[in-house]
Structure formats: structure tokens, C-alpha cells
């Protein structure tokens, strides 16, 4: 997949070797605790993203701001094959998603909402995508609120091996109604 400009961001595939140092700093930051890689070494991050790059059902991307500066990490996956296997009944057109905005000393009001909106628009740009599925930690209240602002509806709590998660789903129609963005 080539770079895609969306809502002030460009989203490009993550290069596991070239981007590992950058991503390592993001995923090991104490504020990224819900990413569950706080103790990862650089080689662990390289290995994890090399595995994703080799996986037909899981993809990683870097989002760039208007200046071309890396601004966020995004992953998409097929929930029928990764993350949620056996935990819910997937439908054709379901796409799983994770995103991470790195910690900053100078937060910009509305930035994270802009990022999740761009991520969702990117996923819904594929006409085959009917729903986006997420499974954030039940304790990540901030992301639950953020998910609601782009149209996610909480379905139920589920037990994953690594966490208790809140399964939430967003249809294309709910995303467009919540954001005004046509995907």
C-alpha cells in the first residue's frame, strides 16, 4: 500500500528496520502503558514489526503530519485471523485497529481526535471495510471516550490473554454520522 494523504496526515507502511528506533521510543514511554511494550528492547520492537510485516492478516503504518514528521503509529488486522479469534463473531468486512499517539510535552488540543479520525477514514477508504473493531483495555477510559466521538459503540467486555478488553465496533455509517467525514 502506498502513502495515503488524509485529513492533514499521510499514512504509509511502517518499515520495521528504518522505523524501529522511532517506534521503540513511542511504545516504551510510560504513557504508552496500554500498548504493553514498556520493557521492550529495540531488537524486540524490530522483531515484533518484522513479524507484522510478514503477516498477511496484520499491517503496521506510520502517520505523518503535514510537515512529513512521524506523528502516530497505526495497526490494522483481520479479526477473523488475529487478536479476536474466538472472542466474537466476525462479519465480512470487519477490520481490527490499534493506534498510538506518542507522548509529548506540548500537547495540541484535538490532535488525538484528528489522528483517530484520519485512521478511521484510512480504513474506510477501502470499500471492502464495513466495520472497524477495537479491543482497548477496559481501564483505558480516555480511549473509550475518544472511540465514542468517532462512532464506536461498546459491545461487551471480553477476556483476552493479555488483558480485559472492551470490544467496540464502528460501522461506516456511524463514523460518517459522528465525524461528518465521508469515507
N, C-alpha and C. Protein backbone atom coordinates (compact mmCIF):
# COMPACT_ATOMS: atom_id res chain seq x y z
N UNK A 1 0.85 -1.17 0.00
CA UNK A 1 0.00 0.00 0.00
C UNK A 1 0.89 1.24 0.00
N UNK A 2 0.57 2.20 -0.84
CA UNK A 2 1.37 3.41 -0.91
C UNK A 2 0.90 4.42 0.12
N UNK A 3 1.61 5.53 0.18
CA UNK A 3 1.23 6.59 1.12
C UNK A 3 -0.12 7.16 0.74
N UNK A 4 -0.91 7.47 1.74
CA UNK A 4 -2.24 7.99 1.53
C UNK A 4 -2.43 9.29 2.31
N UNK A 5 -2.67 10.44 1.62
CA UNK A 5 -2.94 11.66 2.37
C UNK A 5 -4.39 11.71 2.84
N UNK A 6 -4.61 11.96 4.14
CA UNK A 6 -5.95 12.01 4.71
C UNK A 6 -6.02 13.02 5.83
N UNK A 7 -6.95 13.97 5.72
CA UNK A 7 -7.25 14.90 6.81
C UNK A 7 -6.00 15.52 7.42
N UNK A 8 -5.06 15.94 6.61
CA UNK A 8 -3.85 16.58 7.09
C UNK A 8 -2.73 15.61 7.45
N UNK A 9 -2.96 14.33 7.30
CA UNK A 9 -1.95 13.32 7.59
C UNK A 9 -1.68 12.48 6.35
N UNK A 10 -0.50 11.91 6.29
CA UNK A 10 -0.17 10.91 5.29
C UNK A 10 0.12 9.63 6.05
N UNK A 11 -0.45 8.56 5.58
CA UNK A 11 -0.26 7.27 6.24
C UNK A 11 0.51 6.37 5.28
N UNK A 12 1.65 5.86 5.78
CA UNK A 12 2.49 4.99 4.96
C UNK A 12 2.82 3.72 5.72
N UNK A 13 3.17 2.66 4.99
CA UNK A 13 3.56 1.42 5.68
C UNK A 13 4.77 1.66 6.58
N UNK A 14 4.77 1.01 7.73
CA UNK A 14 5.90 1.07 8.65
C UNK A 14 7.01 0.18 8.09
N UNK A 15 8.23 0.68 8.11
CA UNK A 15 9.41 -0.10 7.72
C UNK A 15 10.04 -0.60 9.02
N UNK A 16 9.98 -1.91 9.29
CA UNK A 16 10.42 -2.43 10.60
C UNK A 16 11.84 -2.04 10.98
N UNK A 17 12.75 -1.99 10.03
CA UNK A 17 14.13 -1.66 10.37
C UNK A 17 14.35 -0.15 10.45
N UNK A 18 13.83 0.60 9.49
CA UNK A 18 14.05 2.04 9.48
C UNK A 18 13.26 2.77 10.57
N UNK A 19 12.08 2.25 10.91
CA UNK A 19 11.21 2.93 11.87
C UNK A 19 11.31 2.39 13.29
N UNK A 20 12.05 1.31 13.50
CA UNK A 20 12.07 0.66 14.81
C UNK A 20 12.56 1.57 15.92
N UNK A 21 13.59 2.36 15.67
CA UNK A 21 14.12 3.24 16.72
C UNK A 21 13.08 4.28 17.14
N UNK A 22 12.43 4.87 16.17
CA UNK A 22 11.37 5.84 16.44
C UNK A 22 10.24 5.19 17.23
N UNK A 23 9.74 4.09 16.73
CA UNK A 23 8.60 3.40 17.35
C UNK A 23 8.98 2.89 18.74
N UNK A 24 10.23 2.46 18.91
CA UNK A 24 10.68 1.98 20.22
C UNK A 24 10.48 3.06 21.28
N UNK A 25 10.85 4.29 20.96
CA UNK A 25 10.67 5.39 21.90
C UNK A 25 9.20 5.63 22.23
N UNK A 26 8.34 5.44 21.25
CA UNK A 26 6.91 5.65 21.46
C UNK A 26 6.31 4.56 22.34
N UNK A 27 6.58 3.29 22.01
CA UNK A 27 5.89 2.18 22.68
C UNK A 27 6.43 1.90 24.07
N UNK A 28 7.64 2.39 24.38
CA UNK A 28 8.21 2.16 25.71
C UNK A 28 8.01 3.33 26.65
N UNK A 29 7.42 4.40 26.17
CA UNK A 29 7.14 5.55 27.01
C UNK A 29 6.13 5.14 28.10
N UNK A 30 6.32 5.61 29.33
CA UNK A 30 5.37 5.25 30.40
C UNK A 30 3.91 5.58 30.06
N UNK A 31 3.67 6.63 29.26
CA UNK A 31 2.30 6.99 28.91
C UNK A 31 1.69 6.04 27.88
N UNK A 32 2.51 5.13 27.32
CA UNK A 32 2.02 4.15 26.35
C UNK A 32 1.81 2.78 27.02
N UNK A 33 1.53 2.79 28.30
CA UNK A 33 1.41 1.54 29.05
C UNK A 33 0.42 0.57 28.43
N UNK A 34 -0.69 1.07 27.86
CA UNK A 34 -1.70 0.19 27.29
C UNK A 34 -1.22 -0.50 26.01
N UNK A 35 -0.09 -0.04 25.45
CA UNK A 35 0.48 -0.70 24.25
C UNK A 35 1.19 -1.99 24.66
N UNK A 36 1.49 -2.13 25.93
CA UNK A 36 2.07 -3.32 26.54
C UNK A 36 3.46 -3.69 26.00
N UNK A 37 4.28 -2.66 25.71
CA UNK A 37 5.65 -2.90 25.26
C UNK A 37 6.65 -2.07 26.07
N UNK A 38 6.27 -1.64 27.26
CA UNK A 38 7.12 -0.74 28.05
C UNK A 38 8.52 -1.26 28.29
N UNK A 39 8.69 -2.57 28.42
CA UNK A 39 10.00 -3.14 28.70
C UNK A 39 10.70 -3.66 27.45
N UNK A 40 10.15 -3.38 26.28
CA UNK A 40 10.73 -3.89 25.03
C UNK A 40 12.07 -3.23 24.73
N UNK A 41 12.99 -4.03 24.27
CA UNK A 41 14.27 -3.51 23.78
C UNK A 41 14.09 -3.17 22.30
N UNK A 42 15.03 -2.44 21.74
CA UNK A 42 14.95 -2.07 20.32
C UNK A 42 14.81 -3.33 19.46
N UNK A 43 15.58 -4.35 19.75
CA UNK A 43 15.51 -5.59 18.96
C UNK A 43 14.13 -6.24 19.09
N UNK A 44 13.49 -6.10 20.24
CA UNK A 44 12.14 -6.66 20.42
C UNK A 44 11.14 -5.93 19.51
N UNK A 45 11.28 -4.61 19.41
CA UNK A 45 10.39 -3.82 18.56
C UNK A 45 10.64 -4.18 17.09
N UNK A 46 11.92 -4.26 16.70
CA UNK A 46 12.23 -4.67 15.32
C UNK A 46 11.60 -6.02 15.01
N UNK A 47 11.78 -6.97 15.90
CA UNK A 47 11.26 -8.33 15.69
C UNK A 47 9.73 -8.31 15.60
N UNK A 48 9.08 -7.59 16.51
CA UNK A 48 7.61 -7.54 16.51
C UNK A 48 7.08 -6.98 15.19
N UNK A 49 7.70 -5.91 14.70
CA UNK A 49 7.20 -5.29 13.47
C UNK A 49 7.66 -6.03 12.22
N UNK A 50 8.74 -6.79 12.31
CA UNK A 50 9.10 -7.68 11.20
C UNK A 50 8.08 -8.81 11.09
N UNK A 51 7.62 -9.31 12.23
CA UNK A 51 6.58 -10.34 12.23
C UNK A 51 5.29 -9.80 11.62
N UNK A 52 4.94 -8.58 11.98
CA UNK A 52 3.73 -7.97 11.40
C UNK A 52 3.90 -7.79 9.91
N UNK A 53 5.07 -7.32 9.46
CA UNK A 53 5.32 -7.10 8.03
C UNK A 53 5.19 -8.40 7.23
N UNK A 54 5.49 -9.51 7.86
CA UNK A 54 5.43 -10.81 7.18
C UNK A 54 4.05 -11.46 7.29
N UNK A 55 3.13 -10.84 8.00
CA UNK A 55 1.81 -11.42 8.29
C UNK A 55 0.77 -10.86 7.32
N UNK A 56 0.13 -11.73 6.57
CA UNK A 56 -0.89 -11.30 5.61
C UNK A 56 -2.14 -10.74 6.28
N UNK A 57 -2.30 -10.97 7.59
CA UNK A 57 -3.51 -10.56 8.30
C UNK A 57 -3.28 -9.41 9.28
N UNK A 58 -2.10 -8.80 9.26
CA UNK A 58 -1.76 -7.75 10.21
C UNK A 58 -0.83 -6.76 9.50
N UNK A 59 -1.08 -5.46 9.66
CA UNK A 59 -0.30 -4.44 8.96
C UNK A 59 0.00 -3.29 9.92
N UNK A 60 1.15 -2.67 9.75
CA UNK A 60 1.54 -1.53 10.59
C UNK A 60 1.86 -0.34 9.70
N UNK A 61 1.51 0.84 10.20
CA UNK A 61 1.67 2.08 9.45
C UNK A 61 2.21 3.18 10.35
N UNK A 62 2.85 4.15 9.73
CA UNK A 62 3.27 5.39 10.40
C UNK A 62 2.45 6.51 9.79
N UNK A 63 1.88 7.35 10.64
CA UNK A 63 1.16 8.53 10.18
C UNK A 63 2.09 9.73 10.27
N UNK A 64 2.15 10.50 9.21
CA UNK A 64 2.99 11.70 9.15
C UNK A 64 2.11 12.93 9.18
N UNK A 65 2.58 13.98 9.87
CA UNK A 65 1.82 15.23 9.87
C UNK A 65 2.05 15.97 8.56
N UNK A 66 1.47 17.16 8.43
CA UNK A 66 1.57 17.92 7.18
C UNK A 66 3.00 18.26 6.79
N UNK A 67 3.90 18.29 7.78
CA UNK A 67 5.31 18.59 7.52
C UNK A 67 6.12 17.33 7.18
N UNK A 68 5.47 16.18 7.22
CA UNK A 68 6.16 14.93 6.95
C UNK A 68 6.83 14.33 8.17
N UNK A 69 6.52 14.86 9.35
CA UNK A 69 7.10 14.37 10.59
C UNK A 69 6.24 13.21 11.12
N UNK A 70 6.87 12.08 11.51
CA UNK A 70 6.08 10.98 12.08
C UNK A 70 5.27 11.45 13.28
N UNK A 71 3.96 11.15 13.26
CA UNK A 71 3.05 11.66 14.28
C UNK A 71 2.29 10.57 15.02
N UNK A 72 2.14 9.38 14.44
CA UNK A 72 1.43 8.31 15.12
C UNK A 72 1.73 6.96 14.49
N UNK A 73 1.39 5.93 15.25
CA UNK A 73 1.52 4.54 14.83
C UNK A 73 0.12 3.97 14.69
N UNK A 74 -0.07 3.17 13.67
CA UNK A 74 -1.38 2.56 13.43
C UNK A 74 -1.17 1.12 13.01
N UNK A 75 -2.03 0.25 13.47
CA UNK A 75 -2.04 -1.14 13.02
C UNK A 75 -3.45 -1.51 12.60
N UNK A 76 -3.56 -2.31 11.55
CA UNK A 76 -4.84 -2.90 11.17
C UNK A 76 -4.64 -4.40 11.11
N UNK A 77 -5.72 -5.14 11.36
CA UNK A 77 -5.63 -6.59 11.34
C UNK A 77 -6.98 -7.19 10.97
N UNK A 78 -6.93 -8.43 10.52
CA UNK A 78 -8.14 -9.16 10.21
C UNK A 78 -8.57 -9.89 11.49
N UNK A 79 -9.65 -9.45 12.14
CA UNK A 79 -10.04 -10.04 13.42
C UNK A 79 -10.53 -11.49 13.30
N UNK A 80 -10.75 -11.96 12.10
CA UNK A 80 -11.11 -13.37 11.93
C UNK A 80 -9.87 -14.26 12.05
N UNK A 81 -8.67 -13.63 11.96
CA UNK A 81 -7.41 -14.39 11.99
C UNK A 81 -6.45 -13.94 13.09
N UNK A 82 -6.62 -12.73 13.65
CA UNK A 82 -5.71 -12.20 14.66
C UNK A 82 -6.51 -11.50 15.76
N UNK A 83 -5.92 -11.44 16.93
CA UNK A 83 -6.41 -10.67 18.08
C UNK A 83 -7.73 -11.14 18.68
N UNK A 84 -8.76 -11.34 17.86
CA UNK A 84 -10.10 -11.60 18.39
C UNK A 84 -10.66 -12.97 18.02
N UNK A 85 -9.82 -13.85 17.53
CA UNK A 85 -10.27 -15.19 17.13
C UNK A 85 -10.93 -15.87 18.32
N UNK A 86 -12.17 -16.28 18.11
CA UNK A 86 -12.92 -16.98 19.15
C UNK A 86 -13.54 -16.09 20.21
N UNK A 87 -13.35 -14.77 20.10
CA UNK A 87 -13.86 -13.86 21.12
C UNK A 87 -15.10 -13.08 20.67
N UNK A 88 -15.39 -13.12 19.40
CA UNK A 88 -16.61 -12.51 18.87
C UNK A 88 -16.82 -13.13 17.50
N UNK A 89 -17.99 -12.91 16.94
CA UNK A 89 -18.32 -13.46 15.63
C UNK A 89 -18.03 -12.43 14.55
N UNK A 90 -16.89 -12.58 13.83
CA UNK A 90 -16.55 -11.59 12.81
C UNK A 90 -17.52 -11.65 11.63
N UNK A 91 -17.70 -10.50 11.00
CA UNK A 91 -18.53 -10.41 9.80
C UNK A 91 -17.63 -10.04 8.63
N UNK A 92 -18.05 -10.37 7.41
CA UNK A 92 -17.27 -9.93 6.25
C UNK A 92 -17.12 -8.41 6.27
N UNK A 93 -15.92 -7.94 6.01
CA UNK A 93 -15.67 -6.50 6.01
C UNK A 93 -15.23 -5.95 7.34
N UNK A 94 -15.05 -6.79 8.36
CA UNK A 94 -14.54 -6.32 9.65
C UNK A 94 -13.02 -6.12 9.56
N UNK A 95 -12.54 -5.03 10.14
CA UNK A 95 -11.11 -4.73 10.22
C UNK A 95 -10.82 -4.31 11.65
N UNK A 96 -9.80 -4.92 12.24
CA UNK A 96 -9.37 -4.54 13.58
C UNK A 96 -8.36 -3.40 13.49
N UNK A 97 -8.27 -2.61 14.55
CA UNK A 97 -7.40 -1.44 14.53
C UNK A 97 -6.81 -1.15 15.90
N UNK A 98 -5.55 -0.70 15.89
CA UNK A 98 -4.87 -0.12 17.06
C UNK A 98 -4.23 1.17 16.59
N UNK A 99 -4.14 2.15 17.46
CA UNK A 99 -3.36 3.34 17.11
C UNK A 99 -2.71 3.88 18.37
N UNK A 100 -1.58 4.57 18.17
CA UNK A 100 -0.83 5.14 19.28
C UNK A 100 -0.31 6.50 18.88
N UNK A 101 -0.66 7.49 19.67
CA UNK A 101 -0.11 8.84 19.51
C UNK A 101 0.99 8.97 20.56
N UNK A 102 2.21 9.29 20.14
CA UNK A 102 3.30 9.36 21.11
C UNK A 102 3.10 10.47 22.13
N UNK A 103 3.67 10.26 23.29
CA UNK A 103 3.64 11.25 24.36
C UNK A 103 4.37 12.51 23.91
N UNK A 104 3.91 13.65 24.39
CA UNK A 104 4.55 14.91 24.07
C UNK A 104 4.50 15.85 25.27
N UNK A 105 5.48 16.74 25.34
CA UNK A 105 5.49 17.75 26.40
C UNK A 105 4.64 18.96 26.02
N UNK A 106 4.24 19.03 24.73
CA UNK A 106 3.45 20.16 24.24
C UNK A 106 2.20 19.63 23.51
N UNK A 107 1.23 19.12 24.28
CA UNK A 107 0.03 18.58 23.63
C UNK A 107 -0.75 19.65 22.89
N UNK A 108 -1.37 19.23 21.78
CA UNK A 108 -2.20 20.11 20.96
C UNK A 108 -3.64 19.66 21.11
N UNK A 109 -4.51 20.56 21.57
CA UNK A 109 -5.91 20.23 21.78
C UNK A 109 -6.52 19.69 20.49
N UNK A 110 -7.17 18.52 20.58
CA UNK A 110 -7.86 17.94 19.44
C UNK A 110 -6.98 17.08 18.53
N UNK A 111 -5.68 17.03 18.83
CA UNK A 111 -4.77 16.28 17.95
C UNK A 111 -5.12 14.79 17.90
N UNK A 112 -5.31 14.17 19.03
CA UNK A 112 -5.58 12.73 19.06
C UNK A 112 -6.90 12.42 18.36
N UNK A 113 -7.88 13.29 18.52
CA UNK A 113 -9.15 13.08 17.81
C UNK A 113 -8.93 13.20 16.31
N UNK A 114 -8.09 14.13 15.88
CA UNK A 114 -7.77 14.24 14.45
C UNK A 114 -7.08 12.98 13.95
N UNK A 115 -6.20 12.42 14.77
CA UNK A 115 -5.49 11.19 14.39
C UNK A 115 -6.47 10.04 14.23
N UNK A 116 -7.33 9.79 15.23
CA UNK A 116 -8.24 8.65 15.13
C UNK A 116 -9.21 8.85 13.96
N UNK A 117 -9.59 10.08 13.69
CA UNK A 117 -10.47 10.34 12.54
C UNK A 117 -9.75 9.99 11.24
N UNK A 118 -8.48 10.37 11.12
CA UNK A 118 -7.70 10.03 9.92
C UNK A 118 -7.50 8.52 9.80
N UNK A 119 -7.25 7.87 10.92
CA UNK A 119 -7.07 6.41 10.93
C UNK A 119 -8.35 5.75 10.43
N UNK A 120 -9.48 6.16 10.96
CA UNK A 120 -10.75 5.56 10.56
C UNK A 120 -11.06 5.85 9.08
N UNK A 121 -10.80 7.08 8.64
CA UNK A 121 -11.02 7.42 7.23
C UNK A 121 -10.13 6.55 6.34
N UNK A 122 -8.90 6.31 6.77
CA UNK A 122 -7.99 5.44 6.02
C UNK A 122 -8.56 4.03 5.91
N UNK A 123 -9.06 3.50 7.00
CA UNK A 123 -9.61 2.14 6.97
C UNK A 123 -10.87 2.07 6.12
N UNK A 124 -11.74 3.06 6.25
CA UNK A 124 -12.98 3.06 5.49
C UNK A 124 -12.78 3.47 4.03
N UNK A 125 -11.59 3.96 3.68
CA UNK A 125 -11.30 4.28 2.28
C UNK A 125 -11.32 3.01 1.43
N UNK A 126 -11.11 1.87 2.07
CA UNK A 126 -11.22 0.59 1.39
C UNK A 126 -12.70 0.23 1.34
N UNK A 127 -13.30 0.15 0.16
CA UNK A 127 -14.73 -0.14 0.08
C UNK A 127 -15.12 -1.48 0.69
N UNK A 128 -14.16 -2.39 0.86
CA UNK A 128 -14.46 -3.69 1.46
C UNK A 128 -14.65 -3.60 2.98
N UNK A 129 -14.17 -2.51 3.59
CA UNK A 129 -14.30 -2.34 5.04
C UNK A 129 -15.72 -1.89 5.38
N UNK A 130 -16.42 -2.70 6.15
CA UNK A 130 -17.78 -2.38 6.58
C UNK A 130 -17.82 -1.91 8.03
N UNK A 131 -16.94 -2.52 8.87
CA UNK A 131 -16.91 -2.17 10.29
C UNK A 131 -15.45 -2.17 10.76
N UNK A 132 -15.16 -1.30 11.72
CA UNK A 132 -13.87 -1.30 12.39
C UNK A 132 -14.11 -1.80 13.80
N UNK A 133 -13.26 -2.72 14.24
CA UNK A 133 -13.40 -3.39 15.53
C UNK A 133 -12.17 -3.06 16.37
N UNK A 134 -12.40 -2.70 17.62
CA UNK A 134 -11.29 -2.42 18.54
C UNK A 134 -11.52 -3.17 19.85
N UNK A 135 -10.43 -3.35 20.60
CA UNK A 135 -10.50 -4.06 21.86
C UNK A 135 -9.54 -3.43 22.87
N UNK A 136 -9.80 -2.14 23.22
CA UNK A 136 -8.92 -1.49 24.19
C UNK A 136 -9.12 -2.04 25.60
N UNK A 137 -8.10 -1.87 26.40
CA UNK A 137 -8.16 -2.27 27.81
C UNK A 137 -9.36 -1.59 28.47
N UNK A 138 -10.09 -2.33 29.30
CA UNK A 138 -11.25 -1.74 29.98
C UNK A 138 -10.86 -0.54 30.84
N UNK A 139 -9.62 -0.50 31.31
CA UNK A 139 -9.16 0.61 32.14
C UNK A 139 -8.76 1.85 31.37
N UNK A 140 -8.71 1.78 30.05
CA UNK A 140 -8.29 2.91 29.23
C UNK A 140 -9.49 3.81 28.92
N UNK A 141 -9.97 4.47 29.96
CA UNK A 141 -11.20 5.28 29.85
C UNK A 141 -11.08 6.39 28.81
N UNK A 142 -9.89 6.99 28.69
CA UNK A 142 -9.71 8.08 27.73
C UNK A 142 -9.95 7.60 26.30
N UNK A 143 -9.48 6.42 25.97
CA UNK A 143 -9.69 5.93 24.60
C UNK A 143 -11.13 5.50 24.38
N UNK A 144 -11.82 5.06 25.43
CA UNK A 144 -13.25 4.73 25.27
C UNK A 144 -14.03 5.97 24.87
N UNK A 145 -13.75 7.08 25.52
CA UNK A 145 -14.42 8.35 25.19
C UNK A 145 -14.06 8.77 23.77
N UNK A 146 -12.79 8.67 23.43
CA UNK A 146 -12.34 9.04 22.09
C UNK A 146 -13.00 8.16 21.03
N UNK A 147 -13.07 6.86 21.30
CA UNK A 147 -13.72 5.96 20.35
C UNK A 147 -15.18 6.36 20.12
N UNK A 148 -15.88 6.72 21.18
CA UNK A 148 -17.28 7.15 21.04
C UNK A 148 -17.40 8.37 20.13
N UNK A 149 -16.42 9.28 20.19
CA UNK A 149 -16.52 10.51 19.38
C UNK A 149 -16.43 10.25 17.89
N UNK A 150 -15.88 9.09 17.48
CA UNK A 150 -15.82 8.78 16.05
C UNK A 150 -16.82 7.69 15.66
N UNK A 151 -17.72 7.33 16.58
CA UNK A 151 -18.82 6.45 16.23
C UNK A 151 -18.76 5.03 16.75
N UNK A 152 -17.77 4.70 17.57
CA UNK A 152 -17.72 3.34 18.11
C UNK A 152 -18.84 3.14 19.12
N UNK A 153 -19.35 1.92 19.14
CA UNK A 153 -20.35 1.51 20.11
C UNK A 153 -19.77 0.33 20.88
N UNK A 154 -19.76 0.45 22.21
CA UNK A 154 -19.27 -0.65 23.05
C UNK A 154 -20.23 -1.82 22.93
N UNK A 155 -19.66 -3.02 22.74
CA UNK A 155 -20.47 -4.23 22.60
C UNK A 155 -20.49 -4.99 23.92
N UNK A 156 -19.29 -5.33 24.44
CA UNK A 156 -19.21 -6.04 25.71
C UNK A 156 -17.74 -6.17 26.11
N UNK A 157 -17.53 -6.51 27.37
CA UNK A 157 -16.18 -6.80 27.83
C UNK A 157 -15.83 -8.21 27.40
N UNK A 158 -14.56 -8.41 27.03
CA UNK A 158 -14.06 -9.73 26.65
C UNK A 158 -12.75 -9.98 27.38
N UNK A 159 -12.45 -11.24 27.59
CA UNK A 159 -11.19 -11.63 28.24
C UNK A 159 -10.21 -12.08 27.17
N UNK A 160 -9.17 -11.27 26.98
CA UNK A 160 -8.07 -11.64 26.09
C UNK A 160 -6.96 -12.21 26.97
N UNK A 161 -6.02 -12.93 26.39
CA UNK A 161 -4.95 -13.49 27.23
C UNK A 161 -4.15 -12.43 27.99
N UNK A 162 -3.98 -11.25 27.39
CA UNK A 162 -3.14 -10.22 27.99
C UNK A 162 -3.90 -9.13 28.73
N UNK A 163 -5.24 -9.11 28.61
CA UNK A 163 -5.99 -8.02 29.23
C UNK A 163 -7.49 -8.30 29.21
N UNK A 164 -8.20 -7.53 30.01
CA UNK A 164 -9.66 -7.47 29.95
C UNK A 164 -9.95 -6.29 29.01
N UNK A 165 -10.72 -6.55 27.95
CA UNK A 165 -10.89 -5.55 26.90
C UNK A 165 -12.36 -5.20 26.70
N UNK A 166 -12.58 -4.01 26.15
CA UNK A 166 -13.93 -3.57 25.80
C UNK A 166 -14.07 -3.66 24.28
N UNK A 167 -14.73 -4.71 23.83
CA UNK A 167 -14.98 -4.89 22.41
C UNK A 167 -15.93 -3.79 21.95
N UNK A 168 -15.50 -3.05 20.93
CA UNK A 168 -16.31 -1.95 20.40
C UNK A 168 -16.25 -2.01 18.88
N UNK A 169 -17.36 -1.60 18.26
CA UNK A 169 -17.48 -1.70 16.81
C UNK A 169 -18.02 -0.38 16.27
N UNK A 170 -17.49 0.02 15.11
CA UNK A 170 -17.94 1.22 14.43
C UNK A 170 -18.24 0.89 12.97
N UNK A 171 -19.46 1.16 12.55
CA UNK A 171 -19.82 0.98 11.15
C UNK A 171 -19.43 2.23 10.37
N UNK A 172 -19.34 2.10 9.08
CA UNK A 172 -19.07 3.24 8.20
C UNK A 172 -20.12 4.35 8.44
N UNK A 173 -21.37 3.96 8.54
CA UNK A 173 -22.45 4.93 8.73
C UNK A 173 -22.31 5.68 10.06
N UNK A 174 -21.98 4.96 11.12
CA UNK A 174 -21.80 5.61 12.44
C UNK A 174 -20.60 6.55 12.40
N UNK A 175 -19.51 6.13 11.72
CA UNK A 175 -18.33 7.00 11.61
C UNK A 175 -18.70 8.29 10.88
N UNK A 176 -19.36 8.17 9.75
CA UNK A 176 -19.72 9.35 8.97
C UNK A 176 -20.67 10.26 9.75
N UNK A 177 -21.64 9.68 10.45
CA UNK A 177 -22.59 10.48 11.24
C UNK A 177 -21.88 11.20 12.40
N UNK A 178 -20.92 10.52 13.04
CA UNK A 178 -20.23 11.10 14.20
C UNK A 178 -19.22 12.18 13.81
N UNK A 179 -18.60 12.03 12.63
CA UNK A 179 -17.49 12.93 12.26
C UNK A 179 -17.82 13.87 11.12
N UNK A 180 -18.82 13.54 10.32
CA UNK A 180 -19.08 14.33 9.12
C UNK A 180 -18.11 14.04 7.99
N UNK A 181 -17.25 13.05 8.19
CA UNK A 181 -16.26 12.69 7.17
C UNK A 181 -16.84 11.56 6.33
N UNK A 182 -16.91 11.76 5.02
CA UNK A 182 -17.35 10.70 4.12
C UNK A 182 -16.16 9.83 3.79
N UNK A 183 -16.34 8.56 4.06
CA UNK A 183 -15.22 7.63 3.83
C UNK A 183 -15.42 6.85 2.54
